[in-house]
Amino acid sequence: MNMNAGKHALRQTVLCVLVLLSVLAIPMNAAAFDDTLVLTQDFQEAIVKDAWHKGDLDYTQSLLDSALAKYPESAMLWDIQAGVELKRKNFEKAAEAGERALKISPIPSRHTNLGWIYQQNKQYTRAVMHYNPGSGLKLIN
């Protein structure tokens, strides 16, 4: 089985488990997951992502706290943390989380996300630096 097929199979399994749990209406919280199951990084990321997409910021944050303690090098989790902080208008914390994600995995979309965060916080020079990372612009303190 190649790596992509394995990840696809894992995602399918995660989705099936999530559907089964929602159908059974089993109450779930971050503490219950931590105490009773050993979750893989992919599985825990999927659970956090699902909570994020449902829009429950408090539940997402509780899952993030647990997941980031175990997987601090997950760029996806830091992206979601940045999103939670942005929704709460905590721009500095959003920028910190976004910078952390970018450092772990420097892809163009993370620069765009950071540009948006800095723009919302009226830090326009930083925003432009991320919207156009190849420009050579540098901040002068």
C-alpha atoms as a PDB file:
ATOM      1  CA  MET A   1       0.000   0.000   0.000  1.00  0.00           C
ATOM      2  CA  ASN A   2       1.500   3.353  -0.953  1.00  0.00           C
ATOM      3  CA  MET A   3       1.567   6.376   1.388  1.00  0.00           C
ATOM      4  CA  ASN A   4      -1.352   8.206  -0.264  1.00  0.00           C
ATOM      5  CA  ALA A   5      -3.543   5.118  -0.208  1.00  0.00           C
ATOM      6  CA  GLY A   6      -2.749   4.669   3.490  1.00  0.00           C
ATOM      7  CA  LYS A   7      -3.668   8.277   4.289  1.00  0.00           C
ATOM      8  CA  HIS A   8      -6.874   7.967   2.260  1.00  0.00           C
ATOM      9  CA  ALA A   9      -7.818   4.789   4.120  1.00  0.00           C
ATOM     10  CA  LEU A  10      -7.104   6.493   7.461  1.00  0.00           C
ATOM     11  CA  ARG A  11      -9.243   9.498   6.533  1.00  0.00           C
ATOM     12  CA  GLN A  12     -12.081   7.189   5.501  1.00  0.00           C
ATOM     13  CA  THR A  13     -11.796   5.385   8.834  1.00  0.00           C
ATOM     14  CA  VAL A  14     -11.800   8.691  10.723  1.00  0.00           C
ATOM     15  CA  LEU A  15     -14.913   9.829   8.894  1.00  0.00           C
ATOM     16  CA  CYS A  16     -16.677   6.534   9.595  1.00  0.00           C
ATOM     17  CA  VAL A  17     -15.862   6.766  13.303  1.00  0.00           C
ATOM     18  CA  LEU A  18     -17.041  10.380  13.473  1.00  0.00           C
ATOM     19  CA  VAL A  19     -20.296   9.508  11.710  1.00  0.00           C
ATOM     20  CA  LEU A  20     -20.832   6.522  13.989  1.00  0.00           C
ATOM     21  CA  LEU A  21     -20.242   8.620  17.106  1.00  0.00           C
ATOM     22  CA  SER A  22     -22.590  11.358  15.921  1.00  0.00           C
ATOM     23  CA  VAL A  23     -25.293   8.813  15.068  1.00  0.00           C
ATOM     24  CA  LEU A  24     -24.987   7.229  18.496  1.00  0.00           C
ATOM     25  CA  ALA A  25     -25.043  10.713  20.058  1.00  0.00           C
ATOM     26  CA  ILE A  26     -22.218   9.840  22.411  1.00  0.00           C
ATOM     27  CA  PRO A  27     -21.152  12.992  24.224  1.00  0.00           C
ATOM     28  CA  MET A  28     -17.545  13.744  23.387  1.00  0.00           C
ATOM     29  CA  ASN A  29     -15.115  16.178  24.904  1.00  0.00           C
ATOM     30  CA  ALA A  30     -11.373  16.692  24.683  1.00  0.00           C
ATOM     31  CA  ALA A  31     -10.698  15.200  28.106  1.00  0.00           C
ATOM     32  CA  ALA A  32     -12.575  11.995  27.277  1.00  0.00           C
ATOM     33  CA  PHE A  33     -10.517  11.546  24.139  1.00  0.00           C
ATOM     34  CA  ASP A  34      -7.260  12.150  25.957  1.00  0.00           C
ATOM     35  CA  ASP A  35      -8.032   9.773  28.805  1.00  0.00           C
ATOM     36  CA  THR A  36      -9.452   6.851  26.866  1.00  0.00           C
ATOM     37  CA  LEU A  37      -7.827   6.786  23.445  1.00  0.00           C
ATOM     38  CA  VAL A  38      -4.391   7.149  22.002  1.00  0.00           C
ATOM     39  CA  LEU A  39      -5.000   9.204  18.892  1.00  0.00           C
ATOM     40  CA  THR A  40      -2.707   9.437  15.918  1.00  0.00           C
ATOM     41  CA  GLN A  41      -1.753  12.885  14.735  1.00  0.00           C
ATOM     42  CA  ASP A  42      -3.913  12.572  11.598  1.00  0.00           C
ATOM     43  CA  PHE A  43      -6.913  11.480  13.643  1.00  0.00           C
ATOM     44  CA  GLN A  44      -6.516  14.270  16.184  1.00  0.00           C
ATOM     45  CA  GLU A  45      -6.059  16.851  13.395  1.00  0.00           C
ATOM     46  CA  ALA A  46      -9.257  15.566  11.765  1.00  0.00           C
ATOM     47  CA  ILE A  47     -11.212  15.924  15.015  1.00  0.00           C
ATOM     48  CA  VAL A  48      -9.950  19.491  15.531  1.00  0.00           C
ATOM     49  CA  LYS A  49     -10.672  20.393  11.909  1.00  0.00           C
ATOM     50  CA  ASP A  50     -14.212  19.010  12.225  1.00  0.00           C
ATOM     51  CA  ALA A  51     -14.857  21.080  15.373  1.00  0.00           C
ATOM     52  CA  TRP A  52     -13.439  24.174  13.627  1.00  0.00           C
ATOM     53  CA  HIS A  53     -15.732  23.696  10.635  1.00  0.00           C
ATOM     54  CA  LYS A  54     -18.724  23.375  12.971  1.00  0.00           C
ATOM     55  CA  GLY A  55     -17.870  26.813  14.370  1.00  0.00           C
ATOM     56  CA  ASP A  56     -17.705  25.988  18.077  1.00  0.00           C
ATOM     57  CA  LEU A  57     -14.684  28.073  19.097  1.00  0.00           C
ATOM     58  CA  ASP A  58     -14.584  26.948  22.728  1.00  0.00           C
ATOM     59  CA  TYR A  59     -14.724  23.254  21.830  1.00  0.00           C
ATOM     60  CA  THR A  60     -12.187  23.770  19.041  1.00  0.00           C
ATOM     61  CA  GLN A  61      -9.863  25.551  21.483  1.00  0.00           C
ATOM     62  CA  SER A  62     -10.114  22.750  24.035  1.00  0.00           C
ATOM     63  CA  LEU A  63      -9.223  20.217  21.346  1.00  0.00           C
ATOM     64  CA  LEU A  64      -6.408  22.439  20.062  1.00  0.00           C
ATOM     65  CA  ASP A  65      -4.893  22.782  23.528  1.00  0.00           C
ATOM     66  CA  SER A  66      -4.659  19.016  23.817  1.00  0.00           C
ATOM     67  CA  ALA A  67      -3.544  18.397  20.237  1.00  0.00           C
ATOM     68  CA  LEU A  68      -0.860  21.103  20.205  1.00  0.00           C
ATOM     69  CA  ALA A  69       0.569  19.754  23.458  1.00  0.00           C
ATOM     70  CA  LYS A  70       1.089  16.418  21.698  1.00  0.00           C
ATOM     71  CA  TYR A  71       1.867  17.660  18.179  1.00  0.00           C
ATOM     72  CA  PRO A  72       3.487  21.115  18.397  1.00  0.00           C
ATOM     73  CA  GLU A  73       4.982  20.672  14.917  1.00  0.00           C
ATOM     74  CA  SER A  74       1.597  20.360  13.186  1.00  0.00           C
ATOM     75  CA  ALA A  75       1.266  23.310  10.818  1.00  0.00           C
ATOM     76  CA  MET A  76      -2.418  22.467  10.300  1.00  0.00           C
ATOM     77  CA  LEU A  77      -3.157  22.767  14.013  1.00  0.00           C
ATOM     78  CA  TRP A  78      -1.351  26.131  14.161  1.00  0.00           C
ATOM     79  CA  ASP A  79      -3.363  27.289  11.122  1.00  0.00           C
ATOM     80  CA  ILE A  80      -6.575  26.462  12.964  1.00  0.00           C
ATOM     81  CA  GLN A  81      -5.267  28.150  16.126  1.00  0.00           C
ATOM     82  CA  ALA A  82      -4.622  31.282  14.050  1.00  0.00           C
ATOM     83  CA  GLY A  83      -8.187  31.077  12.721  1.00  0.00           C
ATOM     84  CA  VAL A  84      -9.663  30.755  16.205  1.00  0.00           C
ATOM     85  CA  GLU A  85      -7.671  33.761  17.420  1.00  0.00           C
ATOM     86  CA  LEU A  86      -8.622  35.765  14.336  1.00  0.00           C
ATOM     87  CA  LYS A  87     -12.328  35.053  14.939  1.00  0.00           C
ATOM     88  CA  ARG A  88     -11.857  36.249  18.508  1.00  0.00           C
ATOM     89  CA  LYS A  89     -10.077  39.362  17.168  1.00  0.00           C
ATOM     90  CA  ASN A  90      -6.899  38.432  19.060  1.00  0.00           C
ATOM     91  CA  PHE A  91      -4.717  39.600  16.188  1.00  0.00           C
ATOM     92  CA  GLU A  92      -1.374  39.292  17.976  1.00  0.00           C
ATOM     93  CA  LYS A  93      -2.086  35.684  19.000  1.00  0.00           C
ATOM     94  CA  ALA A  94      -3.399  34.951  15.504  1.00  0.00           C
ATOM     95  CA  ALA A  95      -0.169  36.291  14.008  1.00  0.00           C
ATOM     96  CA  GLU A  96       1.940  34.238  16.432  1.00  0.00           C
ATOM     97  CA  ALA A  97       0.091  31.055  15.504  1.00  0.00           C
ATOM     98  CA  GLY A  98       0.267  31.886  11.791  1.00  0.00           C
ATOM     99  CA  GLU A  99       4.004  32.557  12.019  1.00  0.00           C
ATOM    100  CA  ARG A 100       4.444  29.222  13.791  1.00  0.00           C
ATOM    101  CA  ALA A 101       2.576  27.399  11.003  1.00  0.00           C
ATOM    102  CA  LEU A 102       4.628  29.203   8.346  1.00  0.00           C
ATOM    103  CA  LYS A 103       7.900  28.289  10.058  1.00  0.00           C
ATOM    104  CA  ILE A 104       6.893  24.616  10.159  1.00  0.00           C
ATOM    105  CA  SER A 105       5.626  24.496   6.581  1.00  0.00           C
ATOM    106  CA  PRO A 106       6.443  27.568   4.468  1.00  0.00           C
ATOM    107  CA  ILE A 107       3.824  27.348   1.725  1.00  0.00           C
ATOM    108  CA  PRO A 108       2.352  30.345  -0.162  1.00  0.00           C
ATOM    109  CA  SER A 109      -1.127  30.073   1.361  1.00  0.00           C
ATOM    110  CA  ARG A 110       0.328  30.593   4.833  1.00  0.00           C
ATOM    111  CA  HIS A 111       1.929  33.841   3.673  1.00  0.00           C
ATOM    112  CA  THR A 112      -1.478  34.928   2.357  1.00  0.00           C
ATOM    113  CA  ASN A 113      -3.139  34.006   5.649  1.00  0.00           C
ATOM    114  CA  LEU A 114      -0.570  36.022   7.582  1.00  0.00           C
ATOM    115  CA  GLY A 115      -1.002  38.952   5.219  1.00  0.00           C
ATOM    116  CA  TRP A 116      -4.720  38.906   5.982  1.00  0.00           C
ATOM    117  CA  ILE A 117      -4.108  38.723   9.743  1.00  0.00           C
ATOM    118  CA  TYR A 118      -1.663  41.635   9.666  1.00  0.00           C
ATOM    119  CA  GLN A 119      -4.005  43.636   7.443  1.00  0.00           C
ATOM    120  CA  GLN A 120      -6.852  43.152   9.936  1.00  0.00           C
ATOM    121  CA  ASN A 121      -4.529  44.453  12.652  1.00  0.00           C
ATOM    122  CA  LYS A 122      -3.595  47.473  10.499  1.00  0.00           C
ATOM    123  CA  GLN A 123       0.026  46.315  10.243  1.00  0.00           C
ATOM    124  CA  TYR A 124       0.172  47.074   6.558  1.00  0.00           C
ATOM    125  CA  THR A 125       3.925  46.743   6.019  1.00  0.00           C
ATOM    126  CA  ARG A 126       3.889  43.254   7.509  1.00  0.00           C
ATOM    127  CA  ALA A 127       0.803  42.437   5.452  1.00  0.00           C
ATOM    128  CA  VAL A 128       2.517  43.456   2.206  1.00  0.00           C
ATOM    129  CA  MET A 129       5.601  41.428   3.145  1.00  0.00           C
ATOM    130  CA  HIS A 130       3.447  38.309   3.346  1.00  0.00           C
ATOM    131  CA  TYR A 131       1.236  39.070   0.369  1.00  0.00           C
ATOM    132  CA  ASN A 132       4.412  39.402  -1.698  1.00  0.00           C
ATOM    133  CA  PRO A 133       7.101  37.387   0.136  1.00  0.00           C
ATOM    134  CA  GLY A 134       9.536  37.570  -2.786  1.00  0.00           C
ATOM    135  CA  SER A 135       9.561  41.380  -2.772  1.00  0.00           C
ATOM    136  CA  GLY A 136      12.592  41.626  -0.498  1.00  0.00           C
ATOM    137  CA  LEU A 137      10.793  44.022   1.865  1.00  0.00           C
ATOM    138  CA  LYS A 138      12.224  43.990   5.369  1.00  0.00           C
ATOM    139  CA  LEU A 139      10.924  45.531   8.564  1.00  0.00           C
ATOM    140  CA  ILE A 140      13.146  48.149  10.159  1.00  0.00           C
ATOM    141  CA  ASN A 141      12.640  48.331  13.897  1.00  0.00           C
END
